[in-house]
Amino acid sequence: MAEPQPAEVHEGAADPHAPTSTAEDRKAAAALSALDALESENGAKKEVDGKALDKAMKGLNVKDSKDGEKKSVKVEAADVTLLVRFAS
């Protein structure tokens, strides 16, 4: 038999995640947390999920980074042949 648990312990409750390093990571984590909270509620509607998705998408910040010069990588034909052979 299982031992009785204290009242503060809830089955399935997860520990909070460690804090993230950047503000953008924190925004993304908050948006995902909002989506998870909506999924866990019973009777959630699609429009509510749509609102959460809109909120999450607005919180994301995608930037084109053309700051650095792209590296050119040389690949030997034998390496490509080897990979293609094993992928088939």
PDB file of N, CA and C in Angstrom:
ATOM      1  N   MET A   1       0.832  -1.194   0.000  1.00  0.00           N
ATOM      2  CA  MET A   1       0.000   0.000   0.000  1.00  0.00           C
ATOM      3  C   MET A   1       0.871   1.249   0.000  1.00  0.00           C
ATOM      4  N   ALA A   2       0.317   2.301  -0.522  1.00  0.00           N
ATOM      5  CA  ALA A   2       1.048   3.562  -0.574  1.00  0.00           C
ATOM      6  C   ALA A   2       0.919   4.287   0.752  1.00  0.00           C
ATOM      7  N   GLU A   3       1.939   5.034   1.073  1.00  0.00           N
ATOM      8  CA  GLU A   3       1.911   5.813   2.301  1.00  0.00           C
ATOM      9  C   GLU A   3       1.091   7.074   2.084  1.00  0.00           C
ATOM     10  N   PRO A   4       0.417   7.556   3.109  1.00  0.00           N
ATOM     11  CA  PRO A   4      -0.351   8.797   2.956  1.00  0.00           C
ATOM     12  C   PRO A   4       0.590   9.978   2.703  1.00  0.00           C
ATOM     13  N   GLN A   5       0.172  10.874   1.823  1.00  0.00           N
ATOM     14  CA  GLN A   5       0.980  12.031   1.451  1.00  0.00           C
ATOM     15  C   GLN A   5       0.456  13.278   2.159  1.00  0.00           C
ATOM     16  N   PRO A   6       1.344  14.256   2.404  1.00  0.00           N
ATOM     17  CA  PRO A   6       0.885  15.517   2.990  1.00  0.00           C
ATOM     18  C   PRO A   6      -0.105  16.216   2.058  1.00  0.00           C
ATOM     19  N   ALA A   7      -0.905  17.108   2.600  1.00  0.00           N
ATOM     20  CA  ALA A   7      -1.933  17.807   1.829  1.00  0.00           C
ATOM     21  C   ALA A   7      -1.327  18.689   0.740  1.00  0.00           C
ATOM     22  N   GLU A   8      -0.084  19.147   0.925  1.00  0.00           N
ATOM     23  CA  GLU A   8       0.540  20.043  -0.056  1.00  0.00           C
ATOM     24  C   GLU A   8       0.969  19.314  -1.320  1.00  0.00           C
ATOM     25  N   VAL A   9       1.090  17.999  -1.256  1.00  0.00           N
ATOM     26  CA  VAL A   9       1.565  17.219  -2.390  1.00  0.00           C
ATOM     27  C   VAL A   9       0.375  16.873  -3.277  1.00  0.00           C
ATOM     28  N   HIS A  10       0.494  17.212  -4.571  1.00  0.00           N
ATOM     29  CA  HIS A  10      -0.558  16.908  -5.537  1.00  0.00           C
ATOM     30  C   HIS A  10      -0.003  15.935  -6.562  1.00  0.00           C
ATOM     31  N   GLU A  11      -0.779  14.909  -6.862  1.00  0.00           N
ATOM     32  CA  GLU A  11      -0.334  13.907  -7.819  1.00  0.00           C
ATOM     33  C   GLU A  11      -0.180  14.527  -9.198  1.00  0.00           C
ATOM     34  N   GLY A  12       0.953  14.268  -9.838  1.00  0.00           N
ATOM     35  CA  GLY A  12       1.201  14.771 -11.180  1.00  0.00           C
ATOM     36  C   GLY A  12       1.784  16.171 -11.222  1.00  0.00           C
ATOM     37  N   ALA A  13       1.922  16.820 -10.085  1.00  0.00           N
ATOM     38  CA  ALA A  13       2.490  18.171 -10.073  1.00  0.00           C
ATOM     39  C   ALA A  13       3.986  18.079 -10.331  1.00  0.00           C
ATOM     40  N   ALA A  14       4.470  18.895 -11.242  1.00  0.00           N
ATOM     41  CA  ALA A  14       5.886  18.890 -11.600  1.00  0.00           C
ATOM     42  C   ALA A  14       6.608  20.019 -10.875  1.00  0.00           C
ATOM     43  N   ASP A  15       7.891  19.813 -10.655  1.00  0.00           N
ATOM     44  CA  ASP A  15       8.704  20.865 -10.060  1.00  0.00           C
ATOM     45  C   ASP A  15       8.855  21.998 -11.058  1.00  0.00           C
ATOM     46  N   PRO A  16       8.942  23.244 -10.585  1.00  0.00           N
ATOM     47  CA  PRO A  16       9.157  24.347 -11.527  1.00  0.00           C
ATOM     48  C   PRO A  16      10.520  24.222 -12.191  1.00  0.00           C
ATOM     49  N   HIS A  17      10.600  24.707 -13.419  1.00  0.00           N
ATOM     50  CA  HIS A  17      11.845  24.624 -14.171  1.00  0.00           C
ATOM     51  C   HIS A  17      12.849  25.646 -13.644  1.00  0.00           C
ATOM     52  N   ALA A  18      14.106  25.380 -13.886  1.00  0.00           N
ATOM     53  CA  ALA A  18      15.165  26.305 -13.491  1.00  0.00           C
ATOM     54  C   ALA A  18      15.036  27.596 -14.298  1.00  0.00           C
ATOM     55  N   PRO A  19      15.405  28.735 -13.719  1.00  0.00           N
ATOM     56  CA  PRO A  19      15.295  29.994 -14.461  1.00  0.00           C
ATOM     57  C   PRO A  19      16.187  29.982 -15.698  1.00  0.00           C
ATOM     58  N   THR A  20      15.699  30.615 -16.751  1.00  0.00           N
ATOM     59  CA  THR A  20      16.455  30.652 -17.998  1.00  0.00           C
ATOM     60  C   THR A  20      17.377  31.856 -18.010  1.00  0.00           C
ATOM     61  N   SER A  21      18.287  31.865 -18.972  1.00  0.00           N
ATOM     62  CA  SER A  21      19.349  32.861 -18.953  1.00  0.00           C
ATOM     63  C   SER A  21      18.997  34.160 -19.661  1.00  0.00           C
ATOM     64  N   THR A  22      18.210  34.117 -20.723  1.00  0.00           N
ATOM     65  CA  THR A  22      17.957  35.337 -21.471  1.00  0.00           C
ATOM     66  C   THR A  22      16.494  35.730 -21.374  1.00  0.00           C
ATOM     67  N   ALA A  23      16.234  36.998 -21.656  1.00  0.00           N
ATOM     68  CA  ALA A  23      14.869  37.501 -21.611  1.00  0.00           C
ATOM     69  C   ALA A  23      14.010  36.816 -22.667  1.00  0.00           C
ATOM     70  N   GLU A  24      14.586  36.544 -23.822  1.00  0.00           N
ATOM     71  CA  GLU A  24      13.830  35.879 -24.888  1.00  0.00           C
ATOM     72  C   GLU A  24      13.442  34.462 -24.469  1.00  0.00           C
ATOM     73  N   ASP A  25      14.346  33.759 -23.778  1.00  0.00           N
ATOM     74  CA  ASP A  25      14.032  32.421 -23.285  1.00  0.00           C
ATOM     75  C   ASP A  25      12.917  32.477 -22.250  1.00  0.00           C
ATOM     76  N   ARG A  26      12.953  33.501 -21.389  1.00  0.00           N
ATOM     77  CA  ARG A  26      11.907  33.645 -20.380  1.00  0.00           C
ATOM     78  C   ARG A  26      10.559  33.926 -21.026  1.00  0.00           C
ATOM     79  N   LYS A  27      10.551  34.747 -22.096  1.00  0.00           N
ATOM     80  CA  LYS A  27       9.297  35.029 -22.804  1.00  0.00           C
ATOM     81  C   LYS A  27       8.738  33.762 -23.428  1.00  0.00           C
ATOM     82  N   ALA A  28       9.594  32.988 -24.056  1.00  0.00           N
ATOM     83  CA  ALA A  28       9.149  31.745 -24.687  1.00  0.00           C
ATOM     84  C   ALA A  28       8.636  30.762 -23.638  1.00  0.00           C
ATOM     85  N   ALA A  29       9.325  30.673 -22.510  1.00  0.00           N
ATOM     86  CA  ALA A  29       8.894  29.771 -21.444  1.00  0.00           C
ATOM     87  C   ALA A  29       7.547  30.204 -20.880  1.00  0.00           C
ATOM     88  N   ALA A  30       7.351  31.514 -20.735  1.00  0.00           N
ATOM     89  CA  ALA A  30       6.070  32.013 -20.233  1.00  0.00           C
ATOM     90  C   ALA A  30       4.944  31.711 -21.212  1.00  0.00           C
ATOM     91  N   ALA A  31       5.225  31.856 -22.504  1.00  0.00           N
ATOM     92  CA  ALA A  31       4.204  31.568 -23.515  1.00  0.00           C
ATOM     93  C   ALA A  31       3.845  30.090 -23.509  1.00  0.00           C
ATOM     94  N   LEU A  32       4.850  29.223 -23.413  1.00  0.00           N
ATOM     95  CA  LEU A  32       4.582  27.786 -23.366  1.00  0.00           C
ATOM     96  C   LEU A  32       3.853  27.403 -22.086  1.00  0.00           C
ATOM     97  N   SER A  33       4.191  28.063 -20.997  1.00  0.00           N
ATOM     98  CA  SER A  33       3.517  27.806 -19.737  1.00  0.00           C
ATOM     99  C   SER A  33       2.046  28.182 -19.828  1.00  0.00           C
ATOM    100  N   ALA A  34       1.759  29.296 -20.504  1.00  0.00           N
ATOM    101  CA  ALA A  34       0.368  29.711 -20.684  1.00  0.00           C
ATOM    102  C   ALA A  34      -0.392  28.675 -21.504  1.00  0.00           C
ATOM    103  N   LEU A  35       0.255  28.127 -22.529  1.00  0.00           N
ATOM    104  CA  LEU A  35      -0.393  27.091 -23.335  1.00  0.00           C
ATOM    105  C   LEU A  35      -0.624  25.826 -22.514  1.00  0.00           C
ATOM    106  N   ASP A  36       0.345  25.443 -21.691  1.00  0.00           N
ATOM    107  CA  ASP A  36       0.195  24.256 -20.858  1.00  0.00           C
ATOM    108  C   ASP A  36      -0.931  24.433 -19.848  1.00  0.00           C
ATOM    109  N   ALA A  37      -1.044  25.628 -19.285  1.00  0.00           N
ATOM    110  CA  ALA A  37      -2.091  25.891 -18.303  1.00  0.00           C
ATOM    111  C   ALA A  37      -3.466  25.765 -18.947  1.00  0.00           C
ATOM    112  N   LEU A  38      -3.595  26.218 -20.170  1.00  0.00           N
ATOM    113  CA  LEU A  38      -4.881  26.122 -20.855  1.00  0.00           C
ATOM    114  C   LEU A  38      -5.216  24.683 -21.213  1.00  0.00           C
ATOM    115  N   GLU A  39      -4.221  23.879 -21.535  1.00  0.00           N
ATOM    116  CA  GLU A  39      -4.462  22.478 -21.872  1.00  0.00           C
ATOM    117  C   GLU A  39      -4.927  21.689 -20.662  1.00  0.00           C
ATOM    118  N   SER A  40      -4.442  22.033 -19.485  1.00  0.00           N
ATOM    119  CA  SER A  40      -4.762  21.257 -18.298  1.00  0.00           C
ATOM    120  C   SER A  40      -6.178  21.515 -17.797  1.00  0.00           C
ATOM    121  N   GLU A  41      -6.796  22.626 -18.172  1.00  0.00           N
ATOM    122  CA  GLU A  41      -8.158  22.917 -17.745  1.00  0.00           C
ATOM    123  C   GLU A  41      -9.128  22.025 -18.504  1.00  0.00           C
ATOM    124  N   ASN A  42     -10.156  21.580 -17.816  1.00  0.00           N
ATOM    125  CA  ASN A  42     -11.172  20.762 -18.478  1.00  0.00           C
ATOM    126  C   ASN A  42     -12.118  21.663 -19.249  1.00  0.00           C
ATOM    127  N   GLY A  43     -12.561  21.201 -20.411  1.00  0.00           N
ATOM    128  CA  GLY A  43     -13.516  21.957 -21.204  1.00  0.00           C
ATOM    129  C   GLY A  43     -12.914  23.152 -21.912  1.00  0.00           C
ATOM    130  N   ALA A  44     -11.640  23.129 -22.196  1.00  0.00           N
ATOM    131  CA  ALA A  44     -11.012  24.255 -22.895  1.00  0.00           C
ATOM    132  C   ALA A  44     -11.534  24.302 -24.320  1.00  0.00           C
ATOM    133  N   LYS A  45     -11.771  25.491 -24.815  1.00  0.00           N
ATOM    134  CA  LYS A  45     -12.317  25.657 -26.160  1.00  0.00           C
ATOM    135  C   LYS A  45     -11.203  25.999 -27.130  1.00  0.00           C
ATOM    136  N   LYS A  46     -11.475  25.793 -28.415  1.00  0.00           N
ATOM    137  CA  LYS A  46     -10.475  26.083 -29.434  1.00  0.00           C
ATOM    138  C   LYS A  46     -10.147  27.560 -29.489  1.00  0.00           C
ATOM    139  N   GLU A  47     -11.135  28.413 -29.266  1.00  0.00           N
ATOM    140  CA  GLU A  47     -10.861  29.847 -29.340  1.00  0.00           C
ATOM    141  C   GLU A  47      -9.935  30.292 -28.215  1.00  0.00           C
ATOM    142  N   VAL A  48     -10.033  29.646 -27.077  1.00  0.00           N
ATOM    143  CA  VAL A  48      -9.130  29.962 -25.970  1.00  0.00           C
ATOM    144  C   VAL A  48      -7.720  29.533 -26.335  1.00  0.00           C
ATOM    145  N   ASP A  49      -7.594  28.338 -26.932  1.00  0.00           N
ATOM    146  CA  ASP A  49      -6.286  27.874 -27.372  1.00  0.00           C
ATOM    147  C   ASP A  49      -5.724  28.794 -28.445  1.00  0.00           C
ATOM    148  N   GLY A  50      -6.583  29.285 -29.323  1.00  0.00           N
ATOM    149  CA  GLY A  50      -6.152  30.216 -30.366  1.00  0.00           C
ATOM    150  C   GLY A  50      -5.629  31.510 -29.774  1.00  0.00           C
ATOM    151  N   LYS A  51      -6.292  31.984 -28.726  1.00  0.00           N
ATOM    152  CA  LYS A  51      -5.837  33.212 -28.064  1.00  0.00           C
ATOM    153  C   LYS A  51      -4.475  32.987 -27.414  1.00  0.00           C
ATOM    154  N   ALA A  52      -4.309  31.832 -26.794  1.00  0.00           N
ATOM    155  CA  ALA A  52      -3.021  31.524 -26.164  1.00  0.00           C
ATOM    156  C   ALA A  52      -1.926  31.411 -27.212  1.00  0.00           C
ATOM    157  N   LEU A  53      -2.260  30.816 -28.352  1.00  0.00           N
ATOM    158  CA  LEU A  53      -1.283  30.701 -29.429  1.00  0.00           C
ATOM    159  C   LEU A  53      -0.917  32.075 -29.971  1.00  0.00           C
ATOM    160  N   ASP A  54      -1.917  32.945 -30.145  1.00  0.00           N
ATOM    161  CA  ASP A  54      -1.638  34.311 -30.599  1.00  0.00           C
ATOM    162  C   ASP A  54      -0.729  35.035 -29.616  1.00  0.00           C
ATOM    163  N   LYS A  55      -1.008  34.866 -28.330  1.00  0.00           N
ATOM    164  CA  LYS A  55      -0.187  35.511 -27.301  1.00  0.00           C
ATOM    165  C   LYS A  55       1.247  34.977 -27.348  1.00  0.00           C
ATOM    166  N   ALA A  56       1.387  33.669 -27.533  1.00  0.00           N
ATOM    167  CA  ALA A  56       2.719  33.065 -27.596  1.00  0.00           C
ATOM    168  C   ALA A  56       3.476  33.547 -28.825  1.00  0.00           C
ATOM    169  N   MET A  57       2.791  33.642 -29.953  1.00  0.00           N
ATOM    170  CA  MET A  57       3.449  34.076 -31.188  1.00  0.00           C
ATOM    171  C   MET A  57       3.862  35.540 -31.112  1.00  0.00           C
ATOM    172  N   LYS A  58       3.057  36.367 -30.451  1.00  0.00           N
ATOM    173  CA  LYS A  58       3.410  37.784 -30.315  1.00  0.00           C
ATOM    174  C   LYS A  58       4.633  37.956 -29.419  1.00  0.00           C
ATOM    175  N   GLY A  59       4.814  37.034 -28.461  1.00  0.00           N
ATOM    176  CA  GLY A  59       5.938  37.120 -27.550  1.00  0.00           C
ATOM    177  C   GLY A  59       7.258  36.700 -28.170  1.00  0.00           C
ATOM    178  N   LEU A  60       7.196  35.979 -29.278  1.00  0.00           N
ATOM    179  CA  LEU A  60       8.428  35.531 -29.928  1.00  0.00           C
ATOM    180  C   LEU A  60       9.034  36.662 -30.734  1.00  0.00           C
ATOM    181  N   ASN A  61      10.335  36.695 -30.780  1.00  0.00           N
ATOM    182  CA  ASN A  61      11.038  37.738 -31.514  1.00  0.00           C
ATOM    183  C   ASN A  61      12.074  37.052 -32.398  1.00  0.00           C
ATOM    184  N   VAL A  62      11.798  37.026 -33.684  1.00  0.00           N
ATOM    185  CA  VAL A  62      12.704  36.374 -34.626  1.00  0.00           C
ATOM    186  C   VAL A  62      13.445  37.453 -35.396  1.00  0.00           C
ATOM    187  N   LYS A  63      14.749  37.365 -35.371  1.00  0.00           N
ATOM    188  CA  LYS A  63      15.579  38.356 -36.062  1.00  0.00           C
ATOM    189  C   LYS A  63      16.443  37.648 -37.090  1.00  0.00           C
ATOM    190  N   ASP A  64      16.624  38.291 -38.221  1.00  0.00           N
ATOM    191  CA  ASP A  64      17.555  37.770 -39.218  1.00  0.00           C
ATOM    192  C   ASP A  64      18.952  38.229 -38.827  1.00  0.00           C
ATOM    193  N   SER A  65      19.812  37.286 -38.537  1.00  0.00           N
ATOM    194  CA  SER A  65      21.167  37.657 -38.136  1.00  0.00           C
ATOM    195  C   SER A  65      22.099  37.493 -39.327  1.00  0.00           C
ATOM    196  N   LYS A  66      22.505  38.593 -39.882  1.00  0.00           N
ATOM    197  CA  LYS A  66      23.463  38.578 -40.988  1.00  0.00           C
ATOM    198  C   LYS A  66      24.738  39.295 -40.551  1.00  0.00           C
ATOM    199  N   ASP A  67      24.986  39.214 -39.244  1.00  0.00           N
ATOM    200  CA  ASP A  67      26.142  39.909 -38.679  1.00  0.00           C
ATOM    201  C   ASP A  67      27.449  39.279 -39.137  1.00  0.00           C
ATOM    202  N   GLY A  68      27.543  37.985 -39.027  1.00  0.00           N
ATOM    203  CA  GLY A  68      28.804  37.308 -39.311  1.00  0.00           C
ATOM    204  C   GLY A  68      28.852  36.759 -40.715  1.00  0.00           C
ATOM    205  N   GLU A  69      30.055  36.473 -41.132  1.00  0.00           N
ATOM    206  CA  GLU A  69      30.261  35.888 -42.447  1.00  0.00           C
ATOM    207  C   GLU A  69      30.068  34.384 -42.335  1.00  0.00           C
ATOM    208  N   LYS A  70      29.402  33.790 -43.299  1.00  0.00           N
ATOM    209  CA  LYS A  70      29.137  32.357 -43.250  1.00  0.00           C
ATOM    210  C   LYS A  70      30.389  31.580 -43.633  1.00  0.00           C
ATOM    211  N   LYS A  71      30.612  30.483 -42.915  1.00  0.00           N
ATOM    212  CA  LYS A  71      31.753  29.628 -43.200  1.00  0.00           C
ATOM    213  C   LYS A  71      31.456  28.781 -44.421  1.00  0.00           C
ATOM    214  N   SER A  72      32.463  28.561 -45.214  1.00  0.00           N
ATOM    215  CA  SER A  72      32.308  27.617 -46.313  1.00  0.00           C
ATOM    216  C   SER A  72      32.893  26.284 -45.858  1.00  0.00           C
ATOM    217  N   VAL A  73      32.142  25.242 -46.069  1.00  0.00           N
ATOM    218  CA  VAL A  73      32.547  23.920 -45.627  1.00  0.00           C
ATOM    219  C   VAL A  73      32.759  23.051 -46.852  1.00  0.00           C
ATOM    220  N   LYS A  74      33.896  22.389 -46.890  1.00  0.00           N
ATOM    221  CA  LYS A  74      34.199  21.499 -48.012  1.00  0.00           C
ATOM    222  C   LYS A  74      33.874  20.072 -47.602  1.00  0.00           C
ATOM    223  N   VAL A  75      33.145  19.382 -48.477  1.00  0.00           N
ATOM    224  CA  VAL A  75      32.755  18.005 -48.221  1.00  0.00           C
ATOM    225  C   VAL A  75      33.272  17.147 -49.359  1.00  0.00           C
ATOM    226  N   GLU A  76      33.921  16.075 -48.999  1.00  0.00           N
ATOM    227  CA  GLU A  76      34.450  15.175 -50.021  1.00  0.00           C
ATOM    228  C   GLU A  76      33.334  14.300 -50.579  1.00  0.00           C
ATOM    229  N   ALA A  77      33.432  13.982 -51.857  1.00  0.00           N
ATOM    230  CA  ALA A  77      32.418  13.174 -52.534  1.00  0.00           C
ATOM    231  C   ALA A  77      32.294  11.788 -51.904  1.00  0.00           C
ATOM    232  N   ALA A  78      33.397  11.240 -51.424  1.00  0.00           N
ATOM    233  CA  ALA A  78      33.368   9.912 -50.804  1.00  0.00           C
ATOM    234  C   ALA A  78      32.520   9.923 -49.532  1.00  0.00           C
ATOM    235  N   ASP A  79      32.579  11.016 -48.774  1.00  0.00           N
ATOM    236  CA  ASP A  79      31.768  11.126 -47.564  1.00  0.00           C
ATOM    237  C   ASP A  79      30.283  11.168 -47.903  1.00  0.00           C
ATOM    238  N   VAL A  80      29.930  11.908 -48.940  1.00  0.00           N
ATOM    239  CA  VAL A  80      28.535  11.997 -49.364  1.00  0.00           C
ATOM    240  C   VAL A  80      28.043  10.637 -49.834  1.00  0.00           C
ATOM    241  N   THR A  81      28.856   9.936 -50.603  1.00  0.00           N
ATOM    242  CA  THR A  81      28.484   8.610 -51.096  1.00  0.00           C
ATOM    243  C   THR A  81      28.256   7.651 -49.935  1.00  0.00           C
ATOM    244  N   LEU A  82      29.105   7.712 -48.938  1.00  0.00           N
ATOM    245  CA  LEU A  82      28.973   6.851 -47.771  1.00  0.00           C
ATOM    246  C   LEU A  82      27.657   7.115 -47.046  1.00  0.00           C
ATOM    247  N   LEU A  83      27.333   8.382 -46.847  1.00  0.00           N
ATOM    248  CA  LEU A  83      26.096   8.725 -46.154  1.00  0.00           C
ATOM    249  C   LEU A  83      24.867   8.324 -46.956  1.00  0.00           C
ATOM    250  N   VAL A  84      24.906   8.530 -48.258  1.00  0.00           N
ATOM    251  CA  VAL A  84      23.768   8.171 -49.104  1.00  0.00           C
ATOM    252  C   VAL A  84      23.564   6.663 -49.109  1.00  0.00           C
ATOM    253  N   ARG A  85      24.652   5.923 -49.115  1.00  0.00           N
ATOM    254  CA  ARG A  85      24.563   4.465 -49.135  1.00  0.00           C
ATOM    255  C   ARG A  85      23.905   3.956 -47.851  1.00  0.00           C
ATOM    256  N   PHE A  86      24.278   4.512 -46.695  1.00  0.00           N
ATOM    257  CA  PHE A  86      23.715   4.055 -45.431  1.00  0.00           C
ATOM    258  C   PHE A  86      22.308   4.578 -45.199  1.00  0.00           C
ATOM    259  N   ALA A  87      21.941   5.681 -45.810  1.00  0.00           N
ATOM    260  CA  ALA A  87      20.601   6.230 -45.637  1.00  0.00           C
ATOM    261  C   ALA A  87      19.567   5.441 -46.428  1.00  0.00           C
ATOM    262  N   SER A  88      19.987   4.748 -47.456  1.00  0.00           N
ATOM    263  CA  SER A  88      19.027   4.020 -48.308  1.00  0.00           C
ATOM    264  C   SER A  88      18.617   2.713 -47.713  1.00  0.00           C
TER     265      SER A  88
END
